[in-house]
N, C-alpha and C. Protein backbone atom coordinates (compact mmCIF):
# COMPACT_ATOMS: atom_id res chain seq x y z
N MET A 1 110.77 5.47 31.59
CA MET A 1 109.86 6.34 32.43
C MET A 1 109.65 7.60 31.62
N ILE A 2 109.15 8.78 32.18
CA ILE A 2 108.44 9.56 31.17
C ILE A 2 108.93 10.66 32.15
N VAL A 3 109.89 11.99 31.38
CA VAL A 3 110.36 12.40 32.34
C VAL A 3 109.73 13.90 32.02
N VAL A 4 109.21 15.16 32.90
CA VAL A 4 108.81 16.37 32.21
C VAL A 4 109.44 17.39 33.36
N LYS A 5 109.85 18.16 32.62
CA LYS A 5 111.07 19.35 32.78
C LYS A 5 110.20 20.47 32.64
N SER A 6 109.92 21.38 33.38
CA SER A 6 109.25 22.65 33.58
C SER A 6 110.19 23.94 33.83
N VAL A 7 110.48 24.71 33.22
CA VAL A 7 111.10 25.68 33.19
C VAL A 7 110.57 27.12 33.54
N SER A 8 110.83 27.74 34.51
CA SER A 8 110.53 29.22 35.02
C SER A 8 111.17 30.15 35.33
N ASP A 9 110.94 31.34 35.12
CA ASP A 9 111.76 32.60 35.57
C ASP A 9 110.65 33.48 36.45
N LYS A 10 110.78 34.43 36.24
CA LYS A 10 110.38 35.53 37.32
C LYS A 10 108.77 35.78 36.74
N GLN A 11 108.96 35.81 35.30
CA GLN A 11 107.28 36.12 34.80
C GLN A 11 106.77 34.90 34.79
N GLY A 12 107.12 33.38 34.97
CA GLY A 12 106.77 32.61 35.06
C GLY A 12 106.56 31.37 34.24
N PHE A 13 105.69 30.73 33.42
CA PHE A 13 106.06 28.88 33.02
C PHE A 13 106.83 30.12 31.52
N ARG A 14 108.02 29.36 31.26
CA ARG A 14 108.46 29.60 30.32
C ARG A 14 108.53 28.15 29.10
N GLN A 15 108.89 26.81 29.37
CA GLN A 15 109.16 25.87 28.75
C GLN A 15 109.02 24.22 29.08
N LEU A 16 108.36 23.10 28.92
CA LEU A 16 107.79 22.20 29.40
C LEU A 16 108.53 21.28 28.22
N THR A 17 109.08 20.23 28.91
CA THR A 17 109.76 18.57 27.92
C THR A 17 109.43 18.21 28.28
N VAL A 18 108.68 17.14 27.70
CA VAL A 18 107.85 15.72 27.96
C VAL A 18 108.77 14.52 27.28
N THR A 19 109.64 13.58 27.62
CA THR A 19 110.46 12.89 27.03
C THR A 19 110.12 11.35 27.69
N GLY A 20 110.65 10.13 26.73
CA GLY A 20 110.54 8.56 27.61
C GLY A 20 109.25 8.10 27.41
N HIS A 21 108.97 6.85 27.89
CA HIS A 21 108.18 6.03 28.13
C HIS A 21 107.74 5.40 29.39
N ALA A 22 106.81 5.09 29.45
CA ALA A 22 106.13 4.86 31.22
C ALA A 22 106.68 3.33 30.91
N ASN A 23 106.61 2.62 29.96
CA ASN A 23 106.47 1.40 30.06
C ASN A 23 105.91 0.28 31.02
N TYR A 24 105.08 1.01 31.66
CA TYR A 24 103.81 0.76 32.11
C TYR A 24 103.52 -0.59 31.66
N GLY A 25 102.86 -0.39 30.33
CA GLY A 25 102.24 -1.51 29.94
C GLY A 25 103.18 -2.07 28.56
N VAL A 26 102.17 -2.94 27.87
CA VAL A 26 102.55 -2.90 26.09
C VAL A 26 102.82 -2.14 25.19
N LYS A 27 103.41 -1.66 24.15
CA LYS A 27 103.50 -0.37 23.85
C LYS A 27 101.68 -0.38 22.93
N GLY A 28 101.30 0.83 22.48
CA GLY A 28 100.11 0.26 22.14
C GLY A 28 98.78 0.27 23.22
N GLU A 29 99.19 -0.19 24.56
CA GLU A 29 98.24 -0.11 25.58
C GLU A 29 98.54 -0.10 26.69
N ASP A 30 99.65 1.23 26.94
CA ASP A 30 100.52 1.80 28.13
C ASP A 30 99.52 3.16 28.32
N ILE A 31 98.53 2.75 29.42
CA ILE A 31 97.54 3.89 30.36
C ILE A 31 98.67 4.89 30.50
N VAL A 32 99.64 5.04 30.74
CA VAL A 32 100.66 6.13 31.60
C VAL A 32 100.74 6.73 30.20
N CYS A 33 101.23 6.10 29.48
CA CYS A 33 101.76 7.10 28.27
C CYS A 33 100.67 7.66 27.97
N ALA A 34 99.54 6.89 27.69
CA ALA A 34 98.23 7.67 26.92
C ALA A 34 97.59 8.78 27.63
N ALA A 35 97.61 8.65 29.25
CA ALA A 35 97.28 9.65 29.82
C ALA A 35 98.52 10.83 29.88
N VAL A 36 99.30 10.80 29.80
CA VAL A 36 100.28 11.85 29.63
C VAL A 36 100.58 12.35 27.90
N SER A 37 100.08 11.78 26.83
CA SER A 37 99.88 12.28 25.62
C SER A 37 98.58 13.02 26.08
N THR A 38 97.91 12.23 26.00
CA THR A 38 96.39 13.17 26.07
C THR A 38 96.11 14.79 26.93
N ALA A 39 97.07 14.42 27.89
CA ALA A 39 97.30 15.82 28.19
C ALA A 39 98.14 17.41 27.93
N VAL A 40 99.19 16.79 27.02
CA VAL A 40 99.87 17.29 26.42
C VAL A 40 99.51 17.62 25.39
N ILE A 41 98.83 16.79 24.71
CA ILE A 41 97.94 17.29 22.75
C ILE A 41 96.69 18.08 23.40
N VAL A 42 95.81 17.58 24.45
CA VAL A 42 94.93 18.63 24.74
C VAL A 42 95.44 19.76 24.74
N THR A 43 96.18 20.09 25.67
CA THR A 43 96.49 21.50 26.08
C THR A 43 97.18 22.47 24.52
N ALA A 44 97.85 21.43 23.56
CA ALA A 44 98.27 22.27 22.89
C ALA A 44 97.15 22.49 21.71
N ASN A 45 96.32 21.43 21.83
CA ASN A 45 95.39 21.75 20.76
C ASN A 45 94.15 23.18 21.31
N ALA A 46 94.24 22.80 22.64
CA ALA A 46 93.74 24.46 23.13
C ALA A 46 93.84 25.53 22.62
N VAL A 47 95.19 25.73 22.82
CA VAL A 47 95.54 26.46 22.39
C VAL A 47 95.73 26.94 21.02
N GLU A 48 95.95 26.16 19.67
CA GLU A 48 95.48 26.31 18.89
C GLU A 48 94.17 26.42 18.17
N HIS A 49 93.30 25.69 18.97
CA HIS A 49 91.81 26.11 18.84
C HIS A 49 91.47 27.49 19.25
N LEU A 50 92.33 28.36 20.18
CA LEU A 50 92.52 29.40 20.69
C LEU A 50 92.75 30.54 19.70
N ASN A 51 93.05 30.40 18.42
CA ASN A 51 94.18 30.65 17.58
C ASN A 51 95.34 31.36 18.61
N LEU A 52 95.96 31.13 19.46
CA LEU A 52 96.90 31.49 19.88
C LEU A 52 98.13 31.14 19.89
N ASN A 53 98.36 30.38 18.47
CA ASN A 53 99.59 29.93 18.29
C ASN A 53 100.61 30.59 18.61
N HIS A 54 100.67 31.89 18.02
CA HIS A 54 102.26 33.17 18.10
C HIS A 54 102.61 33.37 19.43
N VAL A 55 101.35 32.78 20.28
CA VAL A 55 102.46 32.35 21.61
C VAL A 55 103.14 31.40 22.70
N ILE A 56 103.11 30.33 21.80
CA ILE A 56 103.61 28.89 22.07
C ILE A 56 104.36 28.45 20.97
N GLU A 57 105.18 28.07 20.98
CA GLU A 57 106.21 26.91 19.96
C GLU A 57 106.11 25.94 20.52
N VAL A 58 105.50 24.55 19.33
CA VAL A 58 105.39 23.38 20.00
C VAL A 58 106.11 22.48 19.16
N ASP A 59 106.76 21.56 19.59
CA ASP A 59 107.53 20.46 18.98
C ASP A 59 106.99 18.84 19.53
N VAL A 60 106.59 18.50 18.51
CA VAL A 60 106.00 16.78 19.12
C VAL A 60 106.60 15.79 18.02
N GLN A 61 107.04 14.84 18.79
CA GLN A 61 108.06 13.78 18.15
C GLN A 61 107.64 12.42 19.08
N GLU A 62 107.67 11.28 18.25
CA GLU A 62 107.47 10.15 19.07
C GLU A 62 108.56 10.01 20.41
N GLY A 63 107.76 9.73 21.52
CA GLY A 63 108.42 10.23 22.98
C GLY A 63 108.79 11.47 23.64
N TYR A 64 108.72 12.41 22.81
CA TYR A 64 108.98 13.81 23.11
C TYR A 64 108.24 15.01 22.59
N PHE A 65 107.97 15.47 23.50
CA PHE A 65 106.99 16.46 23.58
C PHE A 65 107.96 18.33 24.25
N LYS A 66 107.55 19.12 23.74
CA LYS A 66 108.05 20.82 23.67
C LYS A 66 107.11 21.68 23.48
N MET A 67 107.25 22.36 24.88
CA MET A 67 106.38 23.44 24.30
C MET A 67 106.89 24.95 24.90
N ILE A 68 107.30 25.90 24.62
CA ILE A 68 108.14 26.66 24.76
C ILE A 68 107.04 28.30 24.69
N GLN A 69 106.89 29.21 25.66
CA GLN A 69 105.69 29.95 25.47
C GLN A 69 106.90 31.36 25.29
N LYS A 70 105.92 32.07 24.53
CA LYS A 70 107.38 32.61 23.87
C LYS A 70 106.93 33.95 24.47
N THR A 71 105.47 34.40 24.55
CA THR A 71 105.10 35.96 24.95
C THR A 71 103.97 35.52 26.08
N GLU A 72 104.16 36.63 26.96
CA GLU A 72 103.05 36.11 28.29
C GLU A 72 101.39 36.03 27.59
N ASN A 73 100.43 35.74 28.00
CA ASN A 73 98.98 35.29 27.86
C ASN A 73 98.53 34.82 28.70
N ASP A 74 97.57 35.35 29.13
CA ASP A 74 96.78 34.83 30.54
C ASP A 74 95.70 33.35 29.93
N ILE A 75 95.69 33.33 28.90
CA ILE A 75 94.22 31.93 28.53
C ILE A 75 95.69 30.95 28.38
N VAL A 76 96.53 31.16 27.96
CA VAL A 76 97.85 30.35 27.96
C VAL A 76 98.71 29.96 29.25
N SER A 77 98.78 30.70 29.63
CA SER A 77 99.04 30.32 31.12
C SER A 77 98.36 29.73 31.99
N ALA A 78 97.31 29.73 31.47
CA ALA A 78 95.78 29.04 32.46
C ALA A 78 95.95 27.60 32.16
N LEU A 79 96.07 27.53 30.78
CA LEU A 79 96.17 26.14 30.33
C LEU A 79 97.22 25.44 30.73
N ILE A 80 98.53 25.81 30.57
CA ILE A 80 99.31 25.44 31.18
C ILE A 80 99.64 24.92 32.35
N ASN A 81 99.01 25.67 33.64
CA ASN A 81 99.03 25.67 34.80
C ASN A 81 98.14 24.28 35.40
N ASN A 82 97.06 23.72 33.98
CA ASN A 82 96.37 22.97 34.50
C ASN A 82 97.20 21.90 34.04
N LEU A 83 97.75 21.95 32.55
CA LEU A 83 98.62 20.59 32.43
C LEU A 83 99.69 20.48 33.08
N GLU A 84 100.13 21.44 33.76
CA GLU A 84 101.11 21.25 35.26
C GLU A 84 100.63 20.51 36.11
N TYR A 85 99.27 20.69 36.53
CA TYR A 85 98.65 20.36 37.50
C TYR A 85 98.32 18.74 37.35
N THR A 86 97.85 18.20 35.82
CA THR A 86 97.61 17.30 35.67
C THR A 86 98.68 16.39 35.81
N LEU A 87 99.47 16.73 34.82
CA LEU A 87 100.89 16.15 35.03
C LEU A 87 101.31 15.62 36.41
N ASP A 88 101.10 16.37 37.78
CA ASP A 88 102.06 16.38 38.96
C ASP A 88 100.75 15.18 39.52
N GLU A 89 99.52 15.07 39.13
CA GLU A 89 98.27 14.40 39.94
C GLU A 89 98.68 12.89 38.85
N LEU A 90 99.23 12.69 37.94
CA LEU A 90 99.66 11.80 37.28
C LEU A 90 100.60 10.76 38.00
N GLU A 91 102.01 12.19 38.51
CA GLU A 91 103.04 11.63 38.86
C GLU A 91 102.80 10.98 40.04
N LYS A 92 101.87 11.55 41.18
CA LYS A 92 101.49 11.07 42.06
C LYS A 92 100.83 9.64 42.33
N GLN A 93 99.89 9.25 41.24
CA GLN A 93 99.30 8.43 41.22
C GLN A 93 100.14 6.94 40.42
N TYR A 94 101.63 7.29 39.59
CA TYR A 94 101.90 6.37 38.93
C TYR A 94 104.05 7.11 38.84
N PRO A 95 104.09 6.95 40.47
CA PRO A 95 105.54 7.74 40.94
C PRO A 95 106.86 6.82 39.89
N LYS A 96 106.61 5.48 39.94
CA LYS A 96 107.32 4.54 39.32
C LYS A 96 107.74 5.03 37.62
N TYR A 97 106.35 5.58 37.21
CA TYR A 97 106.40 5.82 36.09
C TYR A 97 106.94 7.27 35.20
N ILE A 98 106.54 7.78 36.28
CA ILE A 98 106.45 9.22 35.89
C ILE A 98 107.73 10.28 37.16
N LYS A 99 108.34 11.31 36.21
CA LYS A 99 109.48 11.80 37.48
C LYS A 99 109.03 13.19 36.49
N LYS A 100 109.11 14.79 37.59
CA LYS A 100 108.86 15.57 37.45
C LYS A 100 110.11 16.40 37.78
N GLN A 101 110.69 17.02 37.15
CA GLN A 101 111.66 18.21 37.80
C GLN A 101 111.21 19.47 37.61
N LYS A 102 111.82 20.34 38.02
CA LYS A 102 111.07 21.78 37.85
C LYS A 102 112.33 22.82 38.28
N GLU A 103 112.55 23.77 37.49
CA GLU A 103 114.13 24.66 37.10
C GLU A 103 113.26 26.10 37.03
N GLY A 104 113.86 26.86 37.89
CA GLY A 104 113.53 27.96 38.64
C GLY A 104 112.78 28.27 39.07
């Protein structure tokens, strides 16, 4: 199962961690893992493409993704809101394979 943990405080989003594998299909053909991976990587790439790397810290490894927002930025916040919306929708479609947890 993929576990998505989102941490917020009074100012808004602070951190998103995605861990695990969906095990929906065979490795390399798992559409749930592919969808989640694509969503998080597209978000990180958009931040980089917009030259806003200084706003976030990203750690990507096999079965692990972590994004920390270091400073407030409206564009990055909008991208992260879109990512969270996308992950919420994927969880609705594949509830046995994705679990979202919110803190704060």
